[in-house]
Amino acid sequence: MKSKSKIFIISLIILSVILLIFTFNKKKNNLVKIGLIQIIDHDSLDQSRGGFIDRLAKLGYIDKKNIEIDYQNAQGDISNCNLIANKLVKNSSLILAISTPAAQSVSNLTNEIPILVTAVTDPEKAGLVNKNSKPGKNVTGTSDFVSPEKYMNLIDKLFENKPKIGILYCSSEQNSKDQIDNTLKEAEKLNLQTEIFTVSQATDIQSVVSSMSNKKVEVIYVPNDNLIVSSMPLVYKTATSLNIPIISSEVNSVKNGALATYGIDYYELGKITADQAVEIIEKKNFPENMPIRYIENTKLFLNKNTIEKLNIKIPEELKSQAEVIQ
């Protein structure tokens, strides 16, 4: 009798464990699986990711509760980015791609899984959507575009002598290439002389920046370029040793030594992307019908230490509208 009772109890325990495992797996399978792919670590991209996750949580979508976030970082390696994209396409019901290279890696692999992009300068030129106003594909999201006209006008106002501009970017980043034609046109309108300098990897940066002095470059302009922005401390150190100031296209570069920028709020950009994600998750809309969204407002940022170190006089007109970073 005791033996039968033991068998019954053991059977009941085993059945309970199986039921728990089944319930857990069912619950896990019901989670919305969101893959996050980021090309490299730098503040702007990190802020976009943070804004996305925080906004999702505020809207009731919390990691490990009703969604499952799989965050992967390619550490600046395109081949690694492609491997990550392959993995996420197999295991995700929605993907957030942070930066143009990450977005291209994922979009090349699927035309079915909804893809959101953020911190992408021009999704249309990058081949991610048919049109920014109406994507027509499984891709939509947010852009960090700021017109090159703003930056060229800024250089023209900061420096009275029409300085020669060295435009520095990574030759393998399509988003950077897409910005160059407009930058050159805007510089030409203001009679600003330009010369292009490219790198293919971080180890090229010091020698390329050092070569600018011999080419009579007086100011460096950095477009939205992930490699250069993530390497800004090195760019700043090398350029400053040559007394060459840097104008960048994003605010965290100014925190790392660039003289000035007109910047957007990348955290807010991530939040807007999360709003789009919820529309897709709740089947209220589909990427092909959702226009790429932008942040219209920009703010001028200046680096006080760089101003003092390079002895640059800032016009009162710019001082009055700027936020000064120590």
C-alpha atoms as a PDB file:
ATOM      1  CA  MET A   1       0.000   0.000   0.000  1.00  0.00           C
ATOM      2  CA  LYS A   2       2.823   2.344   0.989  1.00  0.00           C
ATOM      3  CA  SER A   3       4.588   1.452  -2.218  1.00  0.00           C
ATOM      4  CA  LYS A   4       1.529   2.402  -4.272  1.00  0.00           C
ATOM      5  CA  SER A   5       1.204   5.699  -2.391  1.00  0.00           C
ATOM      6  CA  LYS A   6       4.864   6.516  -3.069  1.00  0.00           C
ATOM      7  CA  ILE A   7       4.426   5.753  -6.755  1.00  0.00           C
ATOM      8  CA  PHE A   8       1.314   7.948  -6.848  1.00  0.00           C
ATOM      9  CA  ILE A   9       3.100  10.852  -5.116  1.00  0.00           C
ATOM     10  CA  ILE A  10       6.170  10.552  -7.353  1.00  0.00           C
ATOM     11  CA  SER A  11       3.931  10.400 -10.443  1.00  0.00           C
ATOM     12  CA  LEU A  12       2.054  13.484  -9.235  1.00  0.00           C
ATOM     13  CA  ILE A  13       5.325  15.387  -8.724  1.00  0.00           C
ATOM     14  CA  ILE A  14       6.600  14.402 -12.185  1.00  0.00           C
ATOM     15  CA  LEU A  15       3.276  15.419 -13.741  1.00  0.00           C
ATOM     16  CA  SER A  16       3.374  18.776 -11.929  1.00  0.00           C
ATOM     17  CA  VAL A  17       6.929  19.440 -13.132  1.00  0.00           C
ATOM     18  CA  ILE A  18       5.967  18.571 -16.716  1.00  0.00           C
ATOM     19  CA  LEU A  19       2.944  20.866 -16.452  1.00  0.00           C
ATOM     20  CA  LEU A  20       5.108  23.716 -15.117  1.00  0.00           C
ATOM     21  CA  ILE A  21       7.651  23.262 -17.913  1.00  0.00           C
ATOM     22  CA  PHE A  22       4.859  23.184 -20.498  1.00  0.00           C
ATOM     23  CA  THR A  23       3.238  26.320 -19.040  1.00  0.00           C
ATOM     24  CA  PHE A  24       6.616  28.147 -18.916  1.00  0.00           C
ATOM     25  CA  ASN A  25       7.468  27.216 -22.502  1.00  0.00           C
ATOM     26  CA  LYS A  26       4.003  28.206 -23.692  1.00  0.00           C
ATOM     27  CA  LYS A  27       4.322  31.555 -21.932  1.00  0.00           C
ATOM     28  CA  LYS A  28       7.829  32.033 -23.351  1.00  0.00           C
ATOM     29  CA  ASN A  29       6.615  31.197 -26.853  1.00  0.00           C
ATOM     30  CA  ASN A  30       3.854  33.791 -26.493  1.00  0.00           C
ATOM     31  CA  LEU A  31       6.379  36.575 -25.859  1.00  0.00           C
ATOM     32  CA  VAL A  32       6.918  38.995 -28.742  1.00  0.00           C
ATOM     33  CA  LYS A  33      10.541  38.394 -29.722  1.00  0.00           C
ATOM     34  CA  ILE A  34      12.298  41.644 -30.584  1.00  0.00           C
ATOM     35  CA  GLY A  35      15.805  41.436 -32.020  1.00  0.00           C
ATOM     36  CA  LEU A  36      18.047  44.496 -31.552  1.00  0.00           C
ATOM     37  CA  ILE A  37      21.124  44.857 -33.729  1.00  0.00           C
ATOM     38  CA  GLN A  38      23.597  47.734 -33.282  1.00  0.00           C
ATOM     39  CA  ILE A  39      26.707  48.258 -35.396  1.00  0.00           C
ATOM     40  CA  ILE A  40      28.983  49.683 -32.681  1.00  0.00           C
ATOM     41  CA  ASP A  41      29.039  51.284 -29.240  1.00  0.00           C
ATOM     42  CA  HIS A  42      28.784  55.043 -29.173  1.00  0.00           C
ATOM     43  CA  ASP A  43      26.617  57.399 -27.167  1.00  0.00           C
ATOM     44  CA  SER A  44      24.107  58.402 -29.835  1.00  0.00           C
ATOM     45  CA  LEU A  45      23.321  54.819 -30.824  1.00  0.00           C
ATOM     46  CA  ASP A  46      23.210  53.749 -27.169  1.00  0.00           C
ATOM     47  CA  GLN A  47      20.772  56.568 -26.407  1.00  0.00           C
ATOM     48  CA  SER A  48      18.523  55.533 -29.297  1.00  0.00           C
ATOM     49  CA  ARG A  49      18.447  51.989 -27.926  1.00  0.00           C
ATOM     50  CA  GLY A  50      17.762  53.230 -24.398  1.00  0.00           C
ATOM     51  CA  GLY A  51      14.911  55.462 -25.544  1.00  0.00           C
ATOM     52  CA  PHE A  52      13.384  52.556 -27.473  1.00  0.00           C
ATOM     53  CA  ILE A  53      13.465  50.114 -24.541  1.00  0.00           C
ATOM     54  CA  ASP A  54      12.320  52.668 -21.947  1.00  0.00           C
ATOM     55  CA  ARG A  55       9.405  53.842 -24.086  1.00  0.00           C
ATOM     56  CA  LEU A  56       8.301  50.253 -24.751  1.00  0.00           C
ATOM     57  CA  ALA A  57       8.269  49.631 -20.990  1.00  0.00           C
ATOM     58  CA  LYS A  58       6.228  52.780 -20.398  1.00  0.00           C
ATOM     59  CA  LEU A  59       3.707  51.547 -22.965  1.00  0.00           C
ATOM     60  CA  GLY A  60       3.441  48.205 -21.160  1.00  0.00           C
ATOM     61  CA  TYR A  61       5.919  46.117 -23.157  1.00  0.00           C
ATOM     62  CA  ILE A  62       8.513  44.869 -20.678  1.00  0.00           C
ATOM     63  CA  ASP A  63      11.441  42.552 -21.388  1.00  0.00           C
ATOM     64  CA  LYS A  64      10.917  39.005 -20.053  1.00  0.00           C
ATOM     65  CA  LYS A  65       7.292  39.823 -19.183  1.00  0.00           C
ATOM     66  CA  ASN A  66       5.413  40.150 -22.466  1.00  0.00           C
ATOM     67  CA  ILE A  67       8.322  40.740 -24.853  1.00  0.00           C
ATOM     68  CA  GLU A  68      11.743  39.150 -25.174  1.00  0.00           C
ATOM     69  CA  ILE A  69      14.577  41.446 -26.277  1.00  0.00           C
ATOM     70  CA  ASP A  70      17.683  39.928 -27.848  1.00  0.00           C
ATOM     71  CA  TYR A  71      20.303  42.701 -28.041  1.00  0.00           C
ATOM     72  CA  GLN A  72      23.389  42.089 -30.197  1.00  0.00           C
ATOM     73  CA  ASN A  73      26.296  44.464 -30.932  1.00  0.00           C
ATOM     74  CA  ALA A  74      28.588  43.935 -33.937  1.00  0.00           C
ATOM     75  CA  GLN A  75      31.433  45.979 -32.378  1.00  0.00           C
ATOM     76  CA  GLY A  76      32.030  47.769 -35.671  1.00  0.00           C
ATOM     77  CA  ASP A  77      32.623  44.569 -37.667  1.00  0.00           C
ATOM     78  CA  ILE A  78      30.471  44.275 -40.808  1.00  0.00           C
ATOM     79  CA  SER A  79      30.983  40.507 -41.134  1.00  0.00           C
ATOM     80  CA  ASN A  80      29.918  40.135 -37.509  1.00  0.00           C
ATOM     81  CA  CYS A  81      26.928  42.341 -38.267  1.00  0.00           C
ATOM     82  CA  ASN A  82      25.878  39.957 -41.052  1.00  0.00           C
ATOM     83  CA  LEU A  83      26.196  36.933 -38.737  1.00  0.00           C
ATOM     84  CA  ILE A  84      24.048  38.629 -36.101  1.00  0.00           C
ATOM     85  CA  ALA A  85      21.464  39.569 -38.738  1.00  0.00           C
ATOM     86  CA  ASN A  86      21.214  35.917 -39.816  1.00  0.00           C
ATOM     87  CA  LYS A  87      20.581  34.851 -36.231  1.00  0.00           C
ATOM     88  CA  LEU A  88      17.960  37.515 -35.524  1.00  0.00           C
ATOM     89  CA  VAL A  89      16.025  36.834 -38.719  1.00  0.00           C
ATOM     90  CA  LYS A  90      15.589  33.214 -37.603  1.00  0.00           C
ATOM     91  CA  ASN A  91      14.406  34.047 -34.080  1.00  0.00           C
ATOM     92  CA  SER A  92      12.593  37.410 -34.137  1.00  0.00           C
ATOM     93  CA  SER A  93       9.063  38.580 -34.828  1.00  0.00           C
ATOM     94  CA  LEU A  94      10.237  42.228 -34.979  1.00  0.00           C
ATOM     95  CA  ILE A  95      13.740  43.671 -35.448  1.00  0.00           C
ATOM     96  CA  LEU A  96      15.191  47.057 -34.488  1.00  0.00           C
ATOM     97  CA  ALA A  97      18.315  47.937 -36.483  1.00  0.00           C
ATOM     98  CA  ILE A  98      20.370  50.783 -35.032  1.00  0.00           C
ATOM     99  CA  SER A  99      22.473  52.512 -37.746  1.00  0.00           C
ATOM    100  CA  THR A 100      22.567  52.120 -41.522  1.00  0.00           C
ATOM    101  CA  PRO A 101      24.998  49.152 -41.724  1.00  0.00           C
ATOM    102  CA  ALA A 102      22.909  47.182 -39.212  1.00  0.00           C
ATOM    103  CA  ALA A 103      19.709  48.014 -41.097  1.00  0.00           C
ATOM    104  CA  GLN A 104      21.180  46.946 -44.444  1.00  0.00           C
ATOM    105  CA  SER A 105      22.440  43.643 -43.015  1.00  0.00           C
ATOM    106  CA  VAL A 106      18.971  42.724 -41.753  1.00  0.00           C
ATOM    107  CA  SER A 107      16.874  44.054 -44.637  1.00  0.00           C
ATOM    108  CA  ASN A 108      18.956  42.077 -47.140  1.00  0.00           C
ATOM    109  CA  LEU A 109      17.797  38.853 -45.463  1.00  0.00           C
ATOM    110  CA  THR A 110      14.034  39.243 -45.111  1.00  0.00           C
ATOM    111  CA  ASN A 111      11.119  41.009 -46.749  1.00  0.00           C
ATOM    112  CA  GLU A 112       8.600  39.550 -44.293  1.00  0.00           C
ATOM    113  CA  ILE A 113       9.715  40.294 -40.714  1.00  0.00           C
ATOM    114  CA  PRO A 114       8.882  43.901 -39.727  1.00  0.00           C
ATOM    115  CA  ILE A 115      12.098  45.909 -39.411  1.00  0.00           C
ATOM    116  CA  LEU A 116      12.396  49.227 -37.603  1.00  0.00           C
ATOM    117  CA  VAL A 117      15.470  51.380 -38.149  1.00  0.00           C
ATOM    118  CA  THR A 118      16.802  54.257 -36.093  1.00  0.00           C
ATOM    119  CA  ALA A 119      19.830  56.552 -36.322  1.00  0.00           C
ATOM    120  CA  VAL A 120      19.762  56.049 -40.102  1.00  0.00           C
ATOM    121  CA  THR A 121      20.402  59.266 -42.004  1.00  0.00           C
ATOM    122  CA  ASP A 122      18.568  58.487 -45.250  1.00  0.00           C
ATOM    123  CA  PRO A 123      16.731  55.129 -45.456  1.00  0.00           C
ATOM    124  CA  GLU A 124      15.708  55.786 -49.063  1.00  0.00           C
ATOM    125  CA  LYS A 125      19.252  56.435 -50.321  1.00  0.00           C
ATOM    126  CA  ALA A 126      20.458  53.431 -48.310  1.00  0.00           C
ATOM    127  CA  GLY A 127      18.055  51.217 -50.289  1.00  0.00           C
ATOM    128  CA  LEU A 128      16.032  50.303 -47.215  1.00  0.00           C
ATOM    129  CA  VAL A 129      12.705  51.755 -48.400  1.00  0.00           C
ATOM    130  CA  ASN A 130      11.153  52.756 -51.714  1.00  0.00           C
ATOM    131  CA  LYS A 131      10.435  56.253 -50.412  1.00  0.00           C
ATOM    132  CA  ASN A 132      10.955  57.849 -47.030  1.00  0.00           C
ATOM    133  CA  SER A 133       7.394  59.178 -47.215  1.00  0.00           C
ATOM    134  CA  LYS A 134       5.912  55.756 -48.048  1.00  0.00           C
ATOM    135  CA  PRO A 135       8.352  52.866 -47.486  1.00  0.00           C
ATOM    136  CA  GLY A 136       6.388  50.241 -49.452  1.00  0.00           C
ATOM    137  CA  LYS A 137       8.457  47.499 -47.793  1.00  0.00           C
ATOM    138  CA  ASN A 138       8.746  45.715 -44.448  1.00  0.00           C
ATOM    139  CA  VAL A 139      11.015  48.528 -43.213  1.00  0.00           C
ATOM    140  CA  THR A 140      10.231  51.832 -41.501  1.00  0.00           C
ATOM    141  CA  GLY A 141      11.610  53.808 -38.555  1.00  0.00           C
ATOM    142  CA  THR A 142      13.321  57.078 -37.705  1.00  0.00           C
ATOM    143  CA  SER A 143      16.058  59.185 -39.283  1.00  0.00           C
ATOM    144  CA  ASP A 144      18.700  61.363 -37.640  1.00  0.00           C
ATOM    145  CA  PHE A 145      19.029  63.560 -40.723  1.00  0.00           C
ATOM    146  CA  VAL A 146      20.112  67.164 -40.244  1.00  0.00           C
ATOM    147  CA  SER A 147      20.727  69.164 -43.411  1.00  0.00           C
ATOM    148  CA  PRO A 148      24.433  69.688 -44.259  1.00  0.00           C
ATOM    149  CA  GLU A 149      23.421  73.284 -44.988  1.00  0.00           C
ATOM    150  CA  LYS A 150      23.248  73.880 -41.223  1.00  0.00           C
ATOM    151  CA  TYR A 151      26.804  72.672 -40.669  1.00  0.00           C
ATOM    152  CA  MET A 152      28.315  74.562 -43.588  1.00  0.00           C
ATOM    153  CA  ASN A 153      26.564  77.752 -42.447  1.00  0.00           C
ATOM    154  CA  LEU A 154      27.891  77.118 -38.950  1.00  0.00           C
ATOM    155  CA  ILE A 155      31.464  76.863 -40.241  1.00  0.00           C
ATOM    156  CA  ASP A 156      30.980  80.020 -42.298  1.00  0.00           C
ATOM    157  CA  LYS A 157      29.753  81.940 -39.233  1.00  0.00           C
ATOM    158  CA  LEU A 158      32.397  80.572 -36.863  1.00  0.00           C
ATOM    159  CA  PHE A 159      35.378  81.332 -39.092  1.00  0.00           C
ATOM    160  CA  GLU A 160      35.570  84.607 -40.992  1.00  0.00           C
ATOM    161  CA  ASN A 161      38.430  83.563 -43.254  1.00  0.00           C
ATOM    162  CA  LYS A 162      36.531  80.942 -45.344  1.00  0.00           C
ATOM    163  CA  PRO A 163      38.625  78.037 -44.013  1.00  0.00           C
ATOM    164  CA  LYS A 164      39.498  74.957 -46.013  1.00  0.00           C
ATOM    165  CA  ILE A 165      37.385  72.043 -44.765  1.00  0.00           C
ATOM    166  CA  GLY A 166      38.628  68.472 -44.491  1.00  0.00           C
ATOM    167  CA  ILE A 167      35.617  66.134 -44.692  1.00  0.00           C
ATOM    168  CA  LEU A 168      36.421  62.964 -42.760  1.00  0.00           C
ATOM    169  CA  TYR A 169      34.415  59.739 -42.997  1.00  0.00           C
ATOM    170  CA  CYS A 170      34.628  55.951 -43.324  1.00  0.00           C
ATOM    171  CA  SER A 171      34.633  54.789 -46.950  1.00  0.00           C
ATOM    172  CA  SER A 172      32.610  51.642 -46.170  1.00  0.00           C
ATOM    173  CA  GLU A 173      29.668  53.447 -44.545  1.00  0.00           C
ATOM    174  CA  GLN A 174      26.937  54.090 -47.096  1.00  0.00           C
ATOM    175  CA  ASN A 175      25.167  56.573 -44.821  1.00  0.00           C
ATOM    176  CA  SER A 176      28.286  58.768 -44.843  1.00  0.00           C
ATOM    177  CA  LYS A 177      28.667  58.600 -48.617  1.00  0.00           C
ATOM    178  CA  ASP A 178      25.028  59.609 -49.018  1.00  0.00           C
ATOM    179  CA  GLN A 179      25.696  62.869 -47.172  1.00  0.00           C
ATOM    180  CA  ILE A 180      28.774  63.957 -49.105  1.00  0.00           C
ATOM    181  CA  ASP A 181      27.221  65.278 -52.342  1.00  0.00           C
ATOM    182  CA  ASN A 182      24.885  67.623 -50.464  1.00  0.00           C
ATOM    183  CA  THR A 183      27.694  68.709 -48.162  1.00  0.00           C
ATOM    184  CA  LEU A 184      29.904  69.620 -51.126  1.00  0.00           C
ATOM    185  CA  LYS A 185      27.054  71.537 -52.794  1.00  0.00           C
ATOM    186  CA  GLU A 186      26.329  73.538 -49.644  1.00  0.00           C
ATOM    187  CA  ALA A 187      30.031  74.315 -49.159  1.00  0.00           C
ATOM    188  CA  GLU A 188      30.311  75.497 -52.756  1.00  0.00           C
ATOM    189  CA  LYS A 189      27.368  77.891 -52.277  1.00  0.00           C
ATOM    190  CA  LEU A 190      29.346  79.581 -49.507  1.00  0.00           C
ATOM    191  CA  ASN A 191      32.659  79.520 -51.420  1.00  0.00           C
ATOM    192  CA  LEU A 192      34.144  77.120 -48.879  1.00  0.00           C
ATOM    193  CA  GLN A 193      36.991  74.984 -50.177  1.00  0.00           C
ATOM    194  CA  THR A 194      36.754  71.272 -49.321  1.00  0.00           C
ATOM    195  CA  GLU A 195      38.844  68.128 -49.539  1.00  0.00           C
ATOM    196  CA  ILE A 196      37.661  64.603 -48.770  1.00  0.00           C
ATOM    197  CA  PHE A 197      39.605  62.294 -46.446  1.00  0.00           C
ATOM    198  CA  THR A 198      38.471  58.697 -45.946  1.00  0.00           C
ATOM    199  CA  VAL A 199      39.470  55.842 -43.672  1.00  0.00           C
ATOM    200  CA  SER A 200      38.520  52.174 -43.899  1.00  0.00           C
ATOM    201  CA  GLN A 201      39.215  51.268 -40.268  1.00  0.00           C
ATOM    202  CA  ALA A 202      39.947  52.909 -36.918  1.00  0.00           C
ATOM    203  CA  THR A 203      43.688  52.300 -37.203  1.00  0.00           C
ATOM    204  CA  ASP A 204      43.789  54.643 -40.241  1.00  0.00           C
ATOM    205  CA  ILE A 205      42.399  57.633 -38.369  1.00  0.00           C
ATOM    206  CA  GLN A 206      45.533  59.049 -36.759  1.00  0.00           C
ATOM    207  CA  SER A 207      47.611  59.015 -39.943  1.00  0.00           C
ATOM    208  CA  VAL A 208      44.790  60.412 -42.107  1.00  0.00           C
ATOM    209  CA  VAL A 209      44.026  63.258 -39.690  1.00  0.00           C
ATOM    210  CA  SER A 210      47.749  63.989 -39.347  1.00  0.00           C
ATOM    211  CA  SER A 211      48.023  64.306 -43.139  1.00  0.00           C
ATOM    212  CA  MET A 212      45.465  67.128 -43.147  1.00  0.00           C
ATOM    213  CA  SER A 213      47.984  69.654 -41.885  1.00  0.00           C
ATOM    214  CA  ASN A 214      50.102  69.235 -45.033  1.00  0.00           C
ATOM    215  CA  LYS A 215      46.948  69.719 -47.127  1.00  0.00           C
ATOM    216  CA  LYS A 216      46.293  73.088 -45.421  1.00  0.00           C
ATOM    217  CA  VAL A 217      43.053  71.927 -43.788  1.00  0.00           C
ATOM    218  CA  GLU A 218      41.826  74.488 -41.239  1.00  0.00           C
ATOM    219  CA  VAL A 219      38.683  72.779 -39.932  1.00  0.00           C
ATOM    220  CA  ILE A 220      37.494  69.153 -39.967  1.00  0.00           C
ATOM    221  CA  TYR A 221      33.874  68.267 -40.689  1.00  0.00           C
ATOM    222  CA  VAL A 222      32.566  64.848 -39.605  1.00  0.00           C
ATOM    223  CA  PRO A 223      29.186  63.736 -41.029  1.00  0.00           C
ATOM    224  CA  ASN A 224      26.996  61.097 -39.354  1.00  0.00           C
ATOM    225  CA  ASP A 225      29.635  58.365 -39.470  1.00  0.00           C
ATOM    226  CA  ASN A 226      29.634  55.566 -36.899  1.00  0.00           C
ATOM    227  CA  LEU A 227      33.345  54.738 -37.071  1.00  0.00           C
ATOM    228  CA  ILE A 228      34.576  58.330 -36.812  1.00  0.00           C
ATOM    229  CA  VAL A 229      32.065  59.299 -34.123  1.00  0.00           C
ATOM    230  CA  SER A 230      32.964  56.263 -32.001  1.00  0.00           C
ATOM    231  CA  SER A 231      36.647  57.210 -32.409  1.00  0.00           C
ATOM    232  CA  MET A 232      36.165  60.919 -31.662  1.00  0.00           C
ATOM    233  CA  PRO A 233      38.604  61.027 -28.694  1.00  0.00           C
ATOM    234  CA  LEU A 234      41.397  59.942 -31.074  1.00  0.00           C
ATOM    235  CA  VAL A 235      40.259  62.337 -33.823  1.00  0.00           C
ATOM    236  CA  TYR A 236      40.144  65.172 -31.281  1.00  0.00           C
ATOM    237  CA  LYS A 237      43.568  64.392 -29.808  1.00  0.00           C
ATOM    238  CA  THR A 238      45.223  64.254 -33.237  1.00  0.00           C
ATOM    239  CA  ALA A 239      43.421  67.297 -34.671  1.00  0.00           C
ATOM    240  CA  THR A 240      43.999  69.428 -31.574  1.00  0.00           C
ATOM    241  CA  SER A 241      47.733  68.740 -31.706  1.00  0.00           C
ATOM    242  CA  LEU A 242      47.599  70.386 -35.147  1.00  0.00           C
ATOM    243  CA  ASN A 243      45.336  73.247 -33.951  1.00  0.00           C
ATOM    244  CA  ILE A 244      42.518  72.059 -36.209  1.00  0.00           C
ATOM    245  CA  PRO A 245      38.972  72.338 -34.769  1.00  0.00           C
ATOM    246  CA  ILE A 246      36.263  69.769 -35.520  1.00  0.00           C
ATOM    247  CA  ILE A 247      32.649  70.390 -36.480  1.00  0.00           C
ATOM    248  CA  SER A 248      30.614  67.231 -35.999  1.00  0.00           C
ATOM    249  CA  SER A 249      27.088  66.191 -36.880  1.00  0.00           C
ATOM    250  CA  GLU A 250      26.090  64.834 -33.462  1.00  0.00           C
ATOM    251  CA  VAL A 251      26.196  66.145 -29.914  1.00  0.00           C
ATOM    252  CA  ASN A 252      28.208  63.396 -28.220  1.00  0.00           C
ATOM    253  CA  SER A 253      31.172  64.221 -30.437  1.00  0.00           C
ATOM    254  CA  VAL A 254      31.156  67.679 -28.849  1.00  0.00           C
ATOM    255  CA  LYS A 255      31.261  66.028 -25.425  1.00  0.00           C
ATOM    256  CA  ASN A 256      34.344  64.194 -26.718  1.00  0.00           C
ATOM    257  CA  GLY A 257      36.141  67.306 -27.941  1.00  0.00           C
ATOM    258  CA  ALA A 258      34.585  68.498 -31.200  1.00  0.00           C
ATOM    259  CA  LEU A 259      34.112  72.262 -31.215  1.00  0.00           C
ATOM    260  CA  ALA A 260      30.459  72.459 -32.255  1.00  0.00           C
ATOM    261  CA  THR A 261      27.410  70.791 -33.725  1.00  0.00           C
ATOM    262  CA  TYR A 262      23.723  71.146 -34.335  1.00  0.00           C
ATOM    263  CA  GLY A 263      22.440  68.067 -32.539  1.00  0.00           C
ATOM    264  CA  ILE A 264      19.216  66.134 -32.134  1.00  0.00           C
ATOM    265  CA  ASP A 265      18.004  64.143 -29.124  1.00  0.00           C
ATOM    266  CA  TYR A 266      18.777  60.492 -29.920  1.00  0.00           C
ATOM    267  CA  TYR A 267      16.955  59.255 -26.825  1.00  0.00           C
ATOM    268  CA  GLU A 268      13.806  60.934 -28.148  1.00  0.00           C
ATOM    269  CA  LEU A 269      14.467  59.360 -31.555  1.00  0.00           C
ATOM    270  CA  GLY A 270      14.449  55.922 -29.901  1.00  0.00           C
ATOM    271  CA  LYS A 271      11.167  56.719 -28.151  1.00  0.00           C
ATOM    272  CA  ILE A 272       9.509  57.657 -31.441  1.00  0.00           C
ATOM    273  CA  THR A 273      10.713  54.341 -32.906  1.00  0.00           C
ATOM    274  CA  ALA A 274       9.151  52.490 -29.965  1.00  0.00           C
ATOM    275  CA  ASP A 275       5.803  54.144 -30.717  1.00  0.00           C
ATOM    276  CA  GLN A 276       6.075  52.734 -34.231  1.00  0.00           C
ATOM    277  CA  ALA A 277       6.941  49.302 -32.804  1.00  0.00           C
ATOM    278  CA  VAL A 278       3.780  49.248 -30.684  1.00  0.00           C
ATOM    279  CA  GLU A 279       1.658  50.119 -33.722  1.00  0.00           C
ATOM    280  CA  ILE A 280       3.155  47.106 -35.505  1.00  0.00           C
ATOM    281  CA  ILE A 281       2.913  44.729 -32.512  1.00  0.00           C
ATOM    282  CA  GLU A 282      -0.738  45.642 -31.984  1.00  0.00           C
ATOM    283  CA  LYS A 283      -1.372  45.315 -35.728  1.00  0.00           C
ATOM    284  CA  LYS A 284      -2.666  48.871 -35.945  1.00  0.00           C
ATOM    285  CA  ASN A 285      -0.314  49.592 -38.827  1.00  0.00           C
ATOM    286  CA  PHE A 286       2.289  47.992 -41.083  1.00  0.00           C
ATOM    287  CA  PRO A 287       5.802  49.224 -41.984  1.00  0.00           C
ATOM    288  CA  GLU A 288       5.032  49.679 -45.672  1.00  0.00           C
ATOM    289  CA  ASN A 289       2.431  52.343 -44.820  1.00  0.00           C
ATOM    290  CA  MET A 290       4.369  54.125 -42.064  1.00  0.00           C
ATOM    291  CA  PRO A 291       6.535  57.073 -43.198  1.00  0.00           C
ATOM    292  CA  ILE A 292      10.049  57.538 -41.881  1.00  0.00           C
ATOM    293  CA  ARG A 293       9.876  59.979 -38.979  1.00  0.00           C
ATOM    294  CA  TYR A 294      12.295  62.775 -38.060  1.00  0.00           C
ATOM    295  CA  ILE A 295      13.117  65.099 -35.195  1.00  0.00           C
ATOM    296  CA  GLU A 296      12.746  68.611 -36.564  1.00  0.00           C
ATOM    297  CA  ASN A 297      14.302  70.563 -33.696  1.00  0.00           C
ATOM    298  CA  THR A 298      18.069  70.893 -33.432  1.00  0.00           C
ATOM    299  CA  LYS A 299      20.182  72.693 -30.872  1.00  0.00           C
ATOM    300  CA  LEU A 300      23.618  74.282 -31.127  1.00  0.00           C
ATOM    301  CA  PHE A 301      26.235  72.783 -28.806  1.00  0.00           C
ATOM    302  CA  LEU A 302      29.715  74.219 -28.133  1.00  0.00           C
ATOM    303  CA  ASN A 303      32.652  72.731 -26.226  1.00  0.00           C
ATOM    304  CA  LYS A 304      34.072  75.297 -23.767  1.00  0.00           C
ATOM    305  CA  ASN A 305      37.407  73.514 -23.256  1.00  0.00           C
ATOM    306  CA  THR A 306      38.027  73.278 -27.002  1.00  0.00           C
ATOM    307  CA  ILE A 307      37.135  76.955 -27.484  1.00  0.00           C
ATOM    308  CA  GLU A 308      39.717  77.916 -24.864  1.00  0.00           C
ATOM    309  CA  LYS A 309      42.372  75.426 -25.959  1.00  0.00           C
ATOM    310  CA  LEU A 310      42.263  76.518 -29.613  1.00  0.00           C
ATOM    311  CA  ASN A 311      41.622  80.176 -28.723  1.00  0.00           C
ATOM    312  CA  ILE A 312      38.534  80.445 -30.915  1.00  0.00           C
ATOM    313  CA  LYS A 313      36.324  83.530 -30.747  1.00  0.00           C
ATOM    314  CA  ILE A 314      32.642  82.584 -30.925  1.00  0.00           C
ATOM    315  CA  PRO A 315      30.329  85.224 -32.449  1.00  0.00           C
ATOM    316  CA  GLU A 316      27.733  86.572 -29.999  1.00  0.00           C
ATOM    317  CA  GLU A 317      24.946  85.501 -32.352  1.00  0.00           C
ATOM    318  CA  LEU A 318      25.981  81.851 -31.867  1.00  0.00           C
ATOM    319  CA  LYS A 319      26.850  82.149 -28.168  1.00  0.00           C
ATOM    320  CA  SER A 320      23.357  83.337 -27.310  1.00  0.00           C
ATOM    321  CA  GLN A 321      21.656  80.291 -28.827  1.00  0.00           C
ATOM    322  CA  ALA A 322      24.147  77.596 -27.761  1.00  0.00           C
ATOM    323  CA  GLU A 323      24.346  75.114 -24.935  1.00  0.00           C
ATOM    324  CA  VAL A 324      27.945  75.102 -23.732  1.00  0.00           C
ATOM    325  CA  ILE A 325      29.479  71.779 -22.725  1.00  0.00           C
ATOM    326  CA  GLN A 326      32.411  71.855 -20.304  1.00  0.00           C
END
